[in-house]
Amino acid sequence: MDRMNPVNNDDVRIGVLIPIGKAQWGGADPRDLIAFAARAERLGFDSLWVNDGITESRIEALSMLAAAAAVTERVTLGTAALMAVLRRPVQAAQTLASLDLLSQGRLTVTVGAGFPGRFGKPMYAASQVPWERRFTRLDETVSLWRQLWREPENKSFHGELLHFDDLPTMTAPFRTDGPPIWLAGITPTALSRIGRMYDGWLPYPPDPADYKAALSGVHRAAEEHGRAQDAVTPALFTSVLVEDDPVKGNRTLERFALANYGLPLDQLRQIQAVVTGGADEVAARLSEYTAAGARHLVLRLGATGLDEIGEQLGRVADLLPRLR
């Protein structure tokens, strides 16, 4: 469970992705993203999120969260998802602890290992990190972070891939245990790892029925490892566009899919939840996921250009009372 902002089966929280990729904010002043973050909090969103990557032009994820922390007071600040193993693990622990401290405990860190294609192997190559055994490296990185935050007296760490004999004393995060760490992924192996050691789950399945089935897998894995089901916050990542005109909506989403994922819309729909239509249709579709068990919705606005994205932010904000 998100230790700073606990949820129960009656609570639903709604967050929005800050469009830090240049493919989305385009020719606008990137400093306007800071105003976007402040406006999202004023409109009633519960959380702000950033994605991560180094092979495309974008504002660096943790730098954006630091800027957002300075202009917000209550929203959770999250990564969706952080490519954790592409950073030096001890230095990353220091950065995350500092963000948690400066935001007064508002940080949530979703991590991922990437996948083959433009969002995986090229980033590993550029970071000089082996692609092989990336999941083991990710789990060990998270375990190292937690040790640095929770056991400052423990100066050694020895996993299968990471080895340290003289760890430094780390800046203490705001929360004694450090920020909650979620995992993105929906494979059987990922579900088992989530149940075993992660605080939350942030997948993006196109079908709510698949979400429900996978969440049952997370719960089983948690119980097998002696954890309560509610030890894991069930979240959902989805792209959303509120548009009454279906022709215009599909045209806008097609531009969004090509610009941000390098995929035509029909291919994106096969691998990621994409919700569009009028306000009633969008609210109904998102409610299918909350009925399936999702308790924190992370919404990526399916438009390009800050003016259009800003308009979508207002339209989605109008739906917040209906989604909670």
C-alpha atoms as a PDB file:
ATOM      1  CA  MET A   1       0.000   0.000   0.000  1.00  0.00           C
ATOM      2  CA  ASP A   2       1.108   3.571  -0.626  1.00  0.00           C
ATOM      3  CA  ARG A   3       2.334   4.330   2.883  1.00  0.00           C
ATOM      4  CA  MET A   4       1.935   8.093   2.607  1.00  0.00           C
ATOM      5  CA  ASN A   5      -1.480   7.981   0.931  1.00  0.00           C
ATOM      6  CA  PRO A   6      -3.111   4.681   1.893  1.00  0.00           C
ATOM      7  CA  VAL A   7      -6.026   3.401  -0.130  1.00  0.00           C
ATOM      8  CA  ASN A   8      -8.742   0.916   0.665  1.00  0.00           C
ATOM      9  CA  ASN A   9     -11.298  -0.794  -1.496  1.00  0.00           C
ATOM     10  CA  ASP A  10     -13.530   2.288  -1.460  1.00  0.00           C
ATOM     11  CA  ASP A  11     -10.878   4.813  -2.524  1.00  0.00           C
ATOM     12  CA  VAL A  12      -9.848   5.659  -6.058  1.00  0.00           C
ATOM     13  CA  ARG A  13      -7.100   8.156  -6.787  1.00  0.00           C
ATOM     14  CA  ILE A  14      -6.523   9.835 -10.141  1.00  0.00           C
ATOM     15  CA  GLY A  15      -3.215  11.058 -11.495  1.00  0.00           C
ATOM     16  CA  VAL A  16      -2.001  12.584 -14.744  1.00  0.00           C
ATOM     17  CA  LEU A  17       1.246  12.278 -16.652  1.00  0.00           C
ATOM     18  CA  ILE A  18       3.244  15.474 -17.184  1.00  0.00           C
ATOM     19  CA  PRO A  19       4.047  15.518 -20.936  1.00  0.00           C
ATOM     20  CA  ILE A  20       7.825  15.784 -20.598  1.00  0.00           C
ATOM     21  CA  GLY A  21       8.640  14.311 -24.028  1.00  0.00           C
ATOM     22  CA  LYS A  22       9.317  16.892 -26.730  1.00  0.00           C
ATOM     23  CA  ALA A  23       7.139  14.802 -29.037  1.00  0.00           C
ATOM     24  CA  GLN A  24       4.213  15.907 -26.861  1.00  0.00           C
ATOM     25  CA  TRP A  25       5.029  19.442 -25.776  1.00  0.00           C
ATOM     26  CA  GLY A  26       6.536  20.248 -29.173  1.00  0.00           C
ATOM     27  CA  GLY A  27       7.636  23.819 -29.785  1.00  0.00           C
ATOM     28  CA  ALA A  28       6.238  25.268 -26.554  1.00  0.00           C
ATOM     29  CA  ASP A  29       8.378  26.633 -23.748  1.00  0.00           C
ATOM     30  CA  PRO A  30       9.228  23.524 -21.666  1.00  0.00           C
ATOM     31  CA  ARG A  31       9.022  25.653 -18.520  1.00  0.00           C
ATOM     32  CA  ASP A  32       5.274  25.650 -19.118  1.00  0.00           C
ATOM     33  CA  LEU A  33       5.352  22.061 -17.857  1.00  0.00           C
ATOM     34  CA  ILE A  34       5.865  23.477 -14.374  1.00  0.00           C
ATOM     35  CA  ALA A  35       2.675  25.503 -14.744  1.00  0.00           C
ATOM     36  CA  PHE A  36       0.945  22.347 -16.016  1.00  0.00           C
ATOM     37  CA  ALA A  37       1.905  20.562 -12.782  1.00  0.00           C
ATOM     38  CA  ALA A  38       0.590  23.385 -10.594  1.00  0.00           C
ATOM     39  CA  ARG A  39      -2.658  23.578 -12.562  1.00  0.00           C
ATOM     40  CA  ALA A  40      -3.240  19.816 -12.294  1.00  0.00           C
ATOM     41  CA  GLU A  41      -3.063  20.057  -8.509  1.00  0.00           C
ATOM     42  CA  ARG A  42      -5.478  23.011  -8.494  1.00  0.00           C
ATOM     43  CA  LEU A  43      -7.919  21.042 -10.663  1.00  0.00           C
ATOM     44  CA  GLY A  44      -8.053  18.256  -8.095  1.00  0.00           C
ATOM     45  CA  PHE A  45      -5.794  15.515  -9.432  1.00  0.00           C
ATOM     46  CA  ASP A  46      -4.241  13.330  -6.740  1.00  0.00           C
ATOM     47  CA  SER A  47      -0.893  12.678  -8.384  1.00  0.00           C
ATOM     48  CA  LEU A  48       1.558  13.787 -11.072  1.00  0.00           C
ATOM     49  CA  TRP A  49       3.715  11.321 -13.020  1.00  0.00           C
ATOM     50  CA  VAL A  50       6.641  11.338 -15.427  1.00  0.00           C
ATOM     51  CA  ASN A  51       7.965   8.682 -17.761  1.00  0.00           C
ATOM     52  CA  ASP A  52      11.654   8.056 -18.347  1.00  0.00           C
ATOM     53  CA  GLY A  53      14.134   7.486 -21.134  1.00  0.00           C
ATOM     54  CA  ILE A  54      17.366   8.720 -22.697  1.00  0.00           C
ATOM     55  CA  THR A  55      17.040   7.922 -26.407  1.00  0.00           C
ATOM     56  CA  GLU A  56      14.548  10.670 -27.203  1.00  0.00           C
ATOM     57  CA  SER A  57      14.395  14.372 -26.430  1.00  0.00           C
ATOM     58  CA  ARG A  58      12.654  14.940 -23.112  1.00  0.00           C
ATOM     59  CA  ILE A  59      13.037  16.658 -19.768  1.00  0.00           C
ATOM     60  CA  GLU A  60      14.840  14.300 -17.405  1.00  0.00           C
ATOM     61  CA  ALA A  61      12.248  12.588 -15.225  1.00  0.00           C
ATOM     62  CA  LEU A  62      13.569  13.260 -11.726  1.00  0.00           C
ATOM     63  CA  SER A  63      14.468  16.851 -12.604  1.00  0.00           C
ATOM     64  CA  MET A  64      10.847  17.394 -13.626  1.00  0.00           C
ATOM     65  CA  LEU A  65       9.576  15.956 -10.355  1.00  0.00           C
ATOM     66  CA  ALA A  66      11.910  18.232  -8.402  1.00  0.00           C
ATOM     67  CA  ALA A  67      10.487  21.233 -10.252  1.00  0.00           C
ATOM     68  CA  ALA A  68       6.925  20.012  -9.682  1.00  0.00           C
ATOM     69  CA  ALA A  69       7.598  19.501  -5.977  1.00  0.00           C
ATOM     70  CA  ALA A  70       8.417  23.197  -5.640  1.00  0.00           C
ATOM     71  CA  VAL A  71       5.051  24.382  -7.039  1.00  0.00           C
ATOM     72  CA  THR A  72       2.736  21.786  -5.442  1.00  0.00           C
ATOM     73  CA  GLU A  73       1.823  20.900  -1.885  1.00  0.00           C
ATOM     74  CA  ARG A  74      -0.331  17.785  -1.692  1.00  0.00           C
ATOM     75  CA  VAL A  75      -0.118  15.655  -4.871  1.00  0.00           C
ATOM     76  CA  THR A  76       1.874  12.446  -5.012  1.00  0.00           C
ATOM     77  CA  LEU A  77       4.860  12.736  -7.364  1.00  0.00           C
ATOM     78  CA  GLY A  78       5.578   9.550  -9.265  1.00  0.00           C
ATOM     79  CA  THR A  79       7.610   7.889 -11.994  1.00  0.00           C
ATOM     80  CA  ALA A  80       5.800   5.798 -14.602  1.00  0.00           C
ATOM     81  CA  ALA A  81       8.185   4.159 -14.987  1.00  0.00           C
ATOM     82  CA  LEU A  82      11.763   4.888 -13.964  1.00  0.00           C
ATOM     83  CA  MET A  83      14.449   2.936 -15.838  1.00  0.00           C
ATOM     84  CA  ALA A  84      16.201   2.345 -12.567  1.00  0.00           C
ATOM     85  CA  VAL A  85      19.106   0.168 -13.680  1.00  0.00           C
ATOM     86  CA  LEU A  86      20.317   2.763 -16.192  1.00  0.00           C
ATOM     87  CA  ARG A  87      21.424   4.929 -13.257  1.00  0.00           C
ATOM     88  CA  ARG A  88      24.258   4.290 -10.819  1.00  0.00           C
ATOM     89  CA  PRO A  89      22.357   2.578  -7.993  1.00  0.00           C
ATOM     90  CA  VAL A  90      23.868   4.387  -5.000  1.00  0.00           C
ATOM     91  CA  GLN A  91      23.619   7.790  -6.648  1.00  0.00           C
ATOM     92  CA  ALA A  92      20.004   7.050  -7.653  1.00  0.00           C
ATOM     93  CA  ALA A  93      19.178   6.169  -4.050  1.00  0.00           C
ATOM     94  CA  GLN A  94      20.559   9.542  -2.963  1.00  0.00           C
ATOM     95  CA  THR A  95      18.522  11.399  -5.589  1.00  0.00           C
ATOM     96  CA  LEU A  96      15.290   9.603  -4.713  1.00  0.00           C
ATOM     97  CA  ALA A  97      15.808  10.109  -0.983  1.00  0.00           C
ATOM     98  CA  SER A  98      16.405  13.812  -1.622  1.00  0.00           C
ATOM     99  CA  LEU A  99      13.207  14.089  -3.682  1.00  0.00           C
ATOM    100  CA  ASP A 100      11.232  12.349  -0.961  1.00  0.00           C
ATOM    101  CA  LEU A 101      12.723  14.686   1.635  1.00  0.00           C
ATOM    102  CA  LEU A 102      12.152  17.880  -0.339  1.00  0.00           C
ATOM    103  CA  SER A 103       8.567  16.908  -1.212  1.00  0.00           C
ATOM    104  CA  GLN A 104       7.822  15.956   2.411  1.00  0.00           C
ATOM    105  CA  GLY A 105       7.128  12.312   1.624  1.00  0.00           C
ATOM    106  CA  ARG A 106       5.151  12.665  -1.605  1.00  0.00           C
ATOM    107  CA  LEU A 107       7.307  10.483  -3.868  1.00  0.00           C
ATOM    108  CA  THR A 108       6.236   7.138  -5.361  1.00  0.00           C
ATOM    109  CA  VAL A 109       8.754   5.311  -7.548  1.00  0.00           C
ATOM    110  CA  THR A 110       7.444   2.948 -10.215  1.00  0.00           C
ATOM    111  CA  VAL A 111      10.319   1.071 -11.837  1.00  0.00           C
ATOM    112  CA  GLY A 112      10.580  -0.938 -15.029  1.00  0.00           C
ATOM    113  CA  ALA A 113      13.222  -2.795 -16.996  1.00  0.00           C
ATOM    114  CA  GLY A 114      12.144  -1.841 -20.517  1.00  0.00           C
ATOM    115  CA  PHE A 115      11.392  -4.215 -23.360  1.00  0.00           C
ATOM    116  CA  PRO A 116      12.964  -5.048 -26.724  1.00  0.00           C
ATOM    117  CA  GLY A 117      12.699  -2.300 -29.297  1.00  0.00           C
ATOM    118  CA  ARG A 118      13.171   1.451 -29.159  1.00  0.00           C
ATOM    119  CA  PHE A 119      12.323   1.641 -25.420  1.00  0.00           C
ATOM    120  CA  GLY A 120      14.729  -1.041 -24.289  1.00  0.00           C
ATOM    121  CA  LYS A 121      18.011  -2.225 -25.778  1.00  0.00           C
ATOM    122  CA  PRO A 122      19.160   1.143 -27.212  1.00  0.00           C
ATOM    123  CA  MET A 123      18.862   2.766 -23.763  1.00  0.00           C
ATOM    124  CA  TYR A 124      20.856  -0.056 -22.154  1.00  0.00           C
ATOM    125  CA  ALA A 125      23.555   0.232 -24.801  1.00  0.00           C
ATOM    126  CA  ALA A 126      23.806   4.004 -24.331  1.00  0.00           C
ATOM    127  CA  SER A 127      24.061   3.505 -20.552  1.00  0.00           C
ATOM    128  CA  GLN A 128      26.654   0.707 -20.860  1.00  0.00           C
ATOM    129  CA  VAL A 129      24.423  -1.634 -18.846  1.00  0.00           C
ATOM    130  CA  PRO A 130      24.010  -5.288 -19.902  1.00  0.00           C
ATOM    131  CA  TRP A 131      20.574  -6.144 -21.292  1.00  0.00           C
ATOM    132  CA  GLU A 132      20.884  -9.689 -19.978  1.00  0.00           C
ATOM    133  CA  ARG A 133      19.535 -10.430 -16.492  1.00  0.00           C
ATOM    134  CA  ARG A 134      17.939  -6.997 -16.331  1.00  0.00           C
ATOM    135  CA  PHE A 135      15.132  -8.174 -14.037  1.00  0.00           C
ATOM    136  CA  THR A 136      17.582  -9.544 -11.479  1.00  0.00           C
ATOM    137  CA  ARG A 137      19.537  -6.296 -11.686  1.00  0.00           C
ATOM    138  CA  LEU A 138      16.341  -4.292 -11.156  1.00  0.00           C
ATOM    139  CA  ASP A 139      15.231  -6.263  -8.100  1.00  0.00           C
ATOM    140  CA  GLU A 140      18.699  -6.014  -6.578  1.00  0.00           C
ATOM    141  CA  THR A 141      18.804  -2.271  -7.233  1.00  0.00           C
ATOM    142  CA  VAL A 142      15.514  -1.843  -5.369  1.00  0.00           C
ATOM    143  CA  SER A 143      16.756  -4.014  -2.495  1.00  0.00           C
ATOM    144  CA  LEU A 144      19.937  -1.932  -2.306  1.00  0.00           C
ATOM    145  CA  TRP A 145      17.933   1.309  -2.213  1.00  0.00           C
ATOM    146  CA  ARG A 146      15.815   0.032   0.641  1.00  0.00           C
ATOM    147  CA  GLN A 147      18.871  -1.077   2.585  1.00  0.00           C
ATOM    148  CA  LEU A 148      20.517   2.318   2.137  1.00  0.00           C
ATOM    149  CA  TRP A 149      17.374   4.080   3.367  1.00  0.00           C
ATOM    150  CA  ARG A 150      16.408   1.723   6.183  1.00  0.00           C
ATOM    151  CA  GLU A 151      19.708   0.292   7.434  1.00  0.00           C
ATOM    152  CA  PRO A 152      22.332   3.042   7.271  1.00  0.00           C
ATOM    153  CA  GLU A 153      24.554   1.057   9.614  1.00  0.00           C
ATOM    154  CA  ASN A 154      24.792  -1.814   7.100  1.00  0.00           C
ATOM    155  CA  LYS A 155      27.744  -0.980   4.867  1.00  0.00           C
ATOM    156  CA  SER A 156      27.809  -4.058   2.628  1.00  0.00           C
ATOM    157  CA  PHE A 157      25.471  -5.441  -0.003  1.00  0.00           C
ATOM    158  CA  HIS A 158      26.068  -8.622  -1.967  1.00  0.00           C
ATOM    159  CA  GLY A 159      23.600  -9.828  -4.561  1.00  0.00           C
ATOM    160  CA  GLU A 160      24.086 -11.890  -7.666  1.00  0.00           C
ATOM    161  CA  LEU A 161      25.032  -8.846  -9.737  1.00  0.00           C
ATOM    162  CA  LEU A 162      25.540  -5.917  -7.341  1.00  0.00           C
ATOM    163  CA  HIS A 163      28.366  -5.997  -4.809  1.00  0.00           C
ATOM    164  CA  PHE A 164      29.361  -3.262  -2.345  1.00  0.00           C
ATOM    165  CA  ASP A 165      31.697  -3.512   0.663  1.00  0.00           C
ATOM    166  CA  ASP A 166      31.817   0.106   1.835  1.00  0.00           C
ATOM    167  CA  LEU A 167      28.485   1.814   1.292  1.00  0.00           C
ATOM    168  CA  PRO A 168      28.203   5.514   2.200  1.00  0.00           C
ATOM    169  CA  THR A 169      25.776   6.927   4.708  1.00  0.00           C
ATOM    170  CA  MET A 170      22.752   7.989   2.700  1.00  0.00           C
ATOM    171  CA  THR A 171      20.661  11.121   2.968  1.00  0.00           C
ATOM    172  CA  ALA A 172      17.642   9.976   4.966  1.00  0.00           C
ATOM    173  CA  PRO A 173      14.345  10.185   3.054  1.00  0.00           C
ATOM    174  CA  PHE A 174      11.347  11.909   4.635  1.00  0.00           C
ATOM    175  CA  ARG A 175       9.745   8.551   5.429  1.00  0.00           C
ATOM    176  CA  THR A 176      11.732   6.109   7.517  1.00  0.00           C
ATOM    177  CA  ASP A 177      11.218   3.290   5.018  1.00  0.00           C
ATOM    178  CA  GLY A 178      11.735   5.514   2.010  1.00  0.00           C
ATOM    179  CA  PRO A 179       9.270   6.098  -0.815  1.00  0.00           C
ATOM    180  CA  PRO A 180       7.004   3.220  -1.888  1.00  0.00           C
ATOM    181  CA  ILE A 181       8.307   1.351  -4.918  1.00  0.00           C
ATOM    182  CA  TRP A 182       5.937  -0.032  -7.538  1.00  0.00           C
ATOM    183  CA  LEU A 183       6.635  -2.284 -10.500  1.00  0.00           C
ATOM    184  CA  ALA A 184       5.277  -2.044 -14.037  1.00  0.00           C
ATOM    185  CA  GLY A 185       4.550  -5.352 -15.781  1.00  0.00           C
ATOM    186  CA  ILE A 186       1.915  -8.026 -16.264  1.00  0.00           C
ATOM    187  CA  THR A 187       3.814 -11.214 -17.138  1.00  0.00           C
ATOM    188  CA  PRO A 188       3.456 -14.135 -14.679  1.00  0.00           C
ATOM    189  CA  THR A 189       7.040 -13.558 -13.545  1.00  0.00           C
ATOM    190  CA  ALA A 190       6.375  -9.863 -12.940  1.00  0.00           C
ATOM    191  CA  LEU A 191       3.221 -10.631 -10.948  1.00  0.00           C
ATOM    192  CA  SER A 192       5.195 -12.998  -8.731  1.00  0.00           C
ATOM    193  CA  ARG A 193       7.908 -10.395  -8.133  1.00  0.00           C
ATOM    194  CA  ILE A 194       5.310  -7.738  -7.325  1.00  0.00           C
ATOM    195  CA  GLY A 195       3.651  -9.958  -4.753  1.00  0.00           C
ATOM    196  CA  ARG A 196       7.011 -10.809  -3.238  1.00  0.00           C
ATOM    197  CA  MET A 197       8.647  -7.411  -2.804  1.00  0.00           C
ATOM    198  CA  TYR A 198       6.930  -4.384  -4.362  1.00  0.00           C
ATOM    199  CA  ASP A 199       4.543  -1.831  -2.834  1.00  0.00           C
ATOM    200  CA  GLY A 200       2.421  -1.271  -5.919  1.00  0.00           C
ATOM    201  CA  TRP A 201       1.597  -2.443  -9.429  1.00  0.00           C
ATOM    202  CA  LEU A 202       1.261  -0.203 -12.511  1.00  0.00           C
ATOM    203  CA  PRO A 203       0.366  -2.178 -15.676  1.00  0.00           C
ATOM    204  CA  TYR A 204      -1.473  -1.046 -18.813  1.00  0.00           C
ATOM    205  CA  PRO A 205      -3.550  -3.985 -20.149  1.00  0.00           C
ATOM    206  CA  PRO A 206      -6.058  -3.119 -22.912  1.00  0.00           C
ATOM    207  CA  ASP A 207      -8.770  -5.356 -21.406  1.00  0.00           C
ATOM    208  CA  PRO A 208     -10.201  -4.809 -17.890  1.00  0.00           C
ATOM    209  CA  ALA A 209     -10.812  -8.580 -17.659  1.00  0.00           C
ATOM    210  CA  ASP A 210      -7.065  -9.168 -18.076  1.00  0.00           C
ATOM    211  CA  TYR A 211      -6.415  -6.603 -15.370  1.00  0.00           C
ATOM    212  CA  LYS A 212      -8.739  -8.392 -12.961  1.00  0.00           C
ATOM    213  CA  ALA A 213      -7.161 -11.785 -13.641  1.00  0.00           C
ATOM    214  CA  ALA A 214      -3.635 -10.447 -13.227  1.00  0.00           C
ATOM    215  CA  LEU A 215      -4.535  -8.677  -9.985  1.00  0.00           C
ATOM    216  CA  SER A 216      -5.676 -12.019  -8.610  1.00  0.00           C
ATOM    217  CA  GLY A 217      -2.208 -13.302  -9.486  1.00  0.00           C
ATOM    218  CA  VAL A 218      -0.613 -10.445  -7.558  1.00  0.00           C
ATOM    219  CA  HIS A 219      -2.787 -11.235  -4.538  1.00  0.00           C
ATOM    220  CA  ARG A 220      -1.884 -14.927  -4.663  1.00  0.00           C
ATOM    221  CA  ALA A 221       1.814 -14.112  -4.885  1.00  0.00           C
ATOM    222  CA  ALA A 222       1.576 -11.691  -1.959  1.00  0.00           C
ATOM    223  CA  GLU A 223      -0.111 -14.328   0.199  1.00  0.00           C
ATOM    224  CA  GLU A 224       2.471 -16.941  -0.792  1.00  0.00           C
ATOM    225  CA  HIS A 225       5.172 -14.630   0.522  1.00  0.00           C
ATOM    226  CA  GLY A 226       3.380 -13.893   3.775  1.00  0.00           C
ATOM    227  CA  ARG A 227       2.100 -10.466   2.780  1.00  0.00           C
ATOM    228  CA  ALA A 228      -1.427  -9.077   2.976  1.00  0.00           C
ATOM    229  CA  GLN A 229      -3.238  -8.439  -0.299  1.00  0.00           C
ATOM    230  CA  ASP A 230      -3.451  -4.734   0.447  1.00  0.00           C
ATOM    231  CA  ALA A 231       0.334  -4.541   0.765  1.00  0.00           C
ATOM    232  CA  VAL A 232       0.298  -3.844  -2.983  1.00  0.00           C
ATOM    233  CA  THR A 233      -1.443  -0.762  -4.386  1.00  0.00           C
ATOM    234  CA  PRO A 234      -3.217  -1.775  -7.638  1.00  0.00           C
ATOM    235  CA  ALA A 235      -2.851   0.990 -10.222  1.00  0.00           C
ATOM    236  CA  LEU A 236      -3.426   1.383 -13.963  1.00  0.00           C
ATOM    237  CA  PHE A 237      -1.590   3.324 -16.666  1.00  0.00           C
ATOM    238  CA  THR A 238      -3.794   4.355 -19.598  1.00  0.00           C
ATOM    239  CA  SER A 239      -3.852   6.930 -22.372  1.00  0.00           C
ATOM    240  CA  VAL A 240      -7.054   8.995 -22.351  1.00  0.00           C
ATOM    241  CA  LEU A 241      -8.701  11.426 -24.754  1.00  0.00           C
ATOM    242  CA  VAL A 242     -12.088  13.041 -24.120  1.00  0.00           C
ATOM    243  CA  GLU A 243     -13.596  13.874 -27.517  1.00  0.00           C
ATOM    244  CA  ASP A 244     -17.232  13.655 -28.634  1.00  0.00           C
ATOM    245  CA  ASP A 245     -16.375  13.457 -32.343  1.00  0.00           C
ATOM    246  CA  PRO A 246     -15.024   9.918 -32.970  1.00  0.00           C
ATOM    247  CA  VAL A 247     -13.360  10.880 -36.254  1.00  0.00           C
ATOM    248  CA  LYS A 248     -11.517  13.795 -34.659  1.00  0.00           C
ATOM    249  CA  GLY A 249     -10.686  11.696 -31.614  1.00  0.00           C
ATOM    250  CA  ASN A 250      -9.105   8.895 -33.670  1.00  0.00           C
ATOM    251  CA  ARG A 251      -7.169  11.433 -35.735  1.00  0.00           C
ATOM    252  CA  THR A 252      -5.795  13.094 -32.589  1.00  0.00           C
ATOM    253  CA  LEU A 253      -4.885   9.748 -31.019  1.00  0.00           C
ATOM    254  CA  GLU A 254      -3.198   8.607 -34.232  1.00  0.00           C
ATOM    255  CA  ARG A 255      -0.882  11.635 -34.100  1.00  0.00           C
ATOM    256  CA  PHE A 256      -0.264  10.976 -30.407  1.00  0.00           C
ATOM    257  CA  ALA A 257       0.555   7.287 -30.936  1.00  0.00           C
ATOM    258  CA  LEU A 258       2.966   7.930 -33.786  1.00  0.00           C
ATOM    259  CA  ALA A 259       4.704  10.846 -32.064  1.00  0.00           C
ATOM    260  CA  ASN A 260       5.154   9.218 -28.663  1.00  0.00           C
ATOM    261  CA  TYR A 261       5.343   5.490 -29.334  1.00  0.00           C
ATOM    262  CA  GLY A 262       6.321   5.261 -32.991  1.00  0.00           C
ATOM    263  CA  LEU A 263       3.313   2.999 -33.513  1.00  0.00           C
ATOM    264  CA  PRO A 264       0.044   3.399 -35.407  1.00  0.00           C
ATOM    265  CA  LEU A 265      -2.962   3.652 -33.128  1.00  0.00           C
ATOM    266  CA  ASP A 266      -4.308   0.188 -33.904  1.00  0.00           C
ATOM    267  CA  GLN A 267      -1.019  -1.372 -32.781  1.00  0.00           C
ATOM    268  CA  LEU A 268      -0.861   0.747 -29.628  1.00  0.00           C
ATOM    269  CA  ARG A 269      -4.370  -0.371 -28.683  1.00  0.00           C
ATOM    270  CA  GLN A 270      -3.206  -3.988 -28.782  1.00  0.00           C
ATOM    271  CA  ILE A 271      -0.595  -3.496 -26.091  1.00  0.00           C
ATOM    272  CA  GLN A 272      -1.792  -0.557 -23.985  1.00  0.00           C
ATOM    273  CA  ALA A 273      -5.068   0.628 -22.488  1.00  0.00           C
ATOM    274  CA  VAL A 274      -6.368   3.511 -24.621  1.00  0.00           C
ATOM    275  CA  VAL A 275      -9.648   5.131 -23.588  1.00  0.00           C
ATOM    276  CA  THR A 276     -11.458   7.661 -25.746  1.00  0.00           C
ATOM    277  CA  GLY A 277     -14.924   9.012 -26.508  1.00  0.00           C
ATOM    278  CA  GLY A 278     -17.272  11.505 -24.940  1.00  0.00           C
ATOM    279  CA  ALA A 279     -17.166  12.190 -21.216  1.00  0.00           C
ATOM    280  CA  ASP A 280     -19.756   9.515 -20.415  1.00  0.00           C
ATOM    281  CA  GLU A 281     -17.957   6.906 -22.492  1.00  0.00           C
ATOM    282  CA  VAL A 282     -14.561   7.647 -20.980  1.00  0.00           C
ATOM    283  CA  ALA A 283     -15.915   7.609 -17.428  1.00  0.00           C
ATOM    284  CA  ALA A 284     -17.699   4.309 -18.063  1.00  0.00           C
ATOM    285  CA  ARG A 285     -14.618   2.668 -19.552  1.00  0.00           C
ATOM    286  CA  LEU A 286     -12.332   3.781 -16.727  1.00  0.00           C
ATOM    287  CA  SER A 287     -14.926   2.571 -14.235  1.00  0.00           C
ATOM    288  CA  GLU A 288     -14.544  -0.912 -15.725  1.00  0.00           C
ATOM    289  CA  TYR A 289     -10.949  -0.891 -14.504  1.00  0.00           C
ATOM    290  CA  THR A 290     -11.846   0.350 -11.031  1.00  0.00           C
ATOM    291  CA  ALA A 291     -14.521  -2.361 -10.884  1.00  0.00           C
ATOM    292  CA  ALA A 292     -11.738  -4.816 -11.767  1.00  0.00           C
ATOM    293  CA  GLY A 293      -9.741  -3.599  -8.762  1.00  0.00           C
ATOM    294  CA  ALA A 294      -7.648  -0.616  -9.894  1.00  0.00           C
ATOM    295  CA  ARG A 295      -7.342   1.979  -7.134  1.00  0.00           C
ATOM    296  CA  HIS A 296      -4.967   4.506  -8.662  1.00  0.00           C
ATOM    297  CA  LEU A 297      -5.470   5.582 -12.271  1.00  0.00           C
ATOM    298  CA  VAL A 298      -2.465   7.175 -13.996  1.00  0.00           C
ATOM    299  CA  LEU A 299      -3.769   8.964 -17.085  1.00  0.00           C
ATOM    300  CA  ARG A 300      -1.659   9.997 -20.052  1.00  0.00           C
ATOM    301  CA  LEU A 301      -3.457  12.653 -22.051  1.00  0.00           C
ATOM    302  CA  GLY A 302      -3.658  11.413 -25.636  1.00  0.00           C
ATOM    303  CA  ALA A 303      -2.899  14.657 -27.443  1.00  0.00           C
ATOM    304  CA  THR A 304       0.097  16.580 -28.762  1.00  0.00           C
ATOM    305  CA  GLY A 305       0.945  20.236 -28.208  1.00  0.00           C
ATOM    306  CA  LEU A 306       0.597  21.924 -24.839  1.00  0.00           C
ATOM    307  CA  ASP A 307      -2.511  23.889 -25.834  1.00  0.00           C
ATOM    308  CA  GLU A 308      -4.390  20.743 -26.795  1.00  0.00           C
ATOM    309  CA  ILE A 309      -3.026  18.855 -23.799  1.00  0.00           C
ATOM    310  CA  GLY A 310      -4.090  21.700 -21.506  1.00  0.00           C
ATOM    311  CA  GLU A 311      -7.606  21.531 -22.917  1.00  0.00           C
ATOM    312  CA  GLN A 312      -7.682  17.792 -22.273  1.00  0.00           C
ATOM    313  CA  LEU A 313      -6.487  18.340 -18.709  1.00  0.00           C
ATOM    314  CA  GLY A 314      -9.585  20.433 -18.041  1.00  0.00           C
ATOM    315  CA  ARG A 315     -11.912  17.920 -19.686  1.00  0.00           C
ATOM    316  CA  VAL A 316     -10.532  15.022 -17.684  1.00  0.00           C
ATOM    317  CA  ALA A 317     -10.638  17.077 -14.478  1.00  0.00           C
ATOM    318  CA  ASP A 318     -14.400  17.449 -14.997  1.00  0.00           C
ATOM    319  CA  LEU A 319     -14.656  13.644 -14.731  1.00  0.00           C
ATOM    320  CA  LEU A 320     -12.828  13.312 -11.409  1.00  0.00           C
ATOM    321  CA  PRO A 321     -15.961  13.285  -9.165  1.00  0.00           C
ATOM    322  CA  ARG A 322     -17.461  10.525 -11.304  1.00  0.00           C
ATOM    323  CA  LEU A 323     -14.354   8.353 -11.142  1.00  0.00           C
ATOM    324  CA  ARG A 324     -13.857   8.449  -7.380  1.00  0.00           C
END
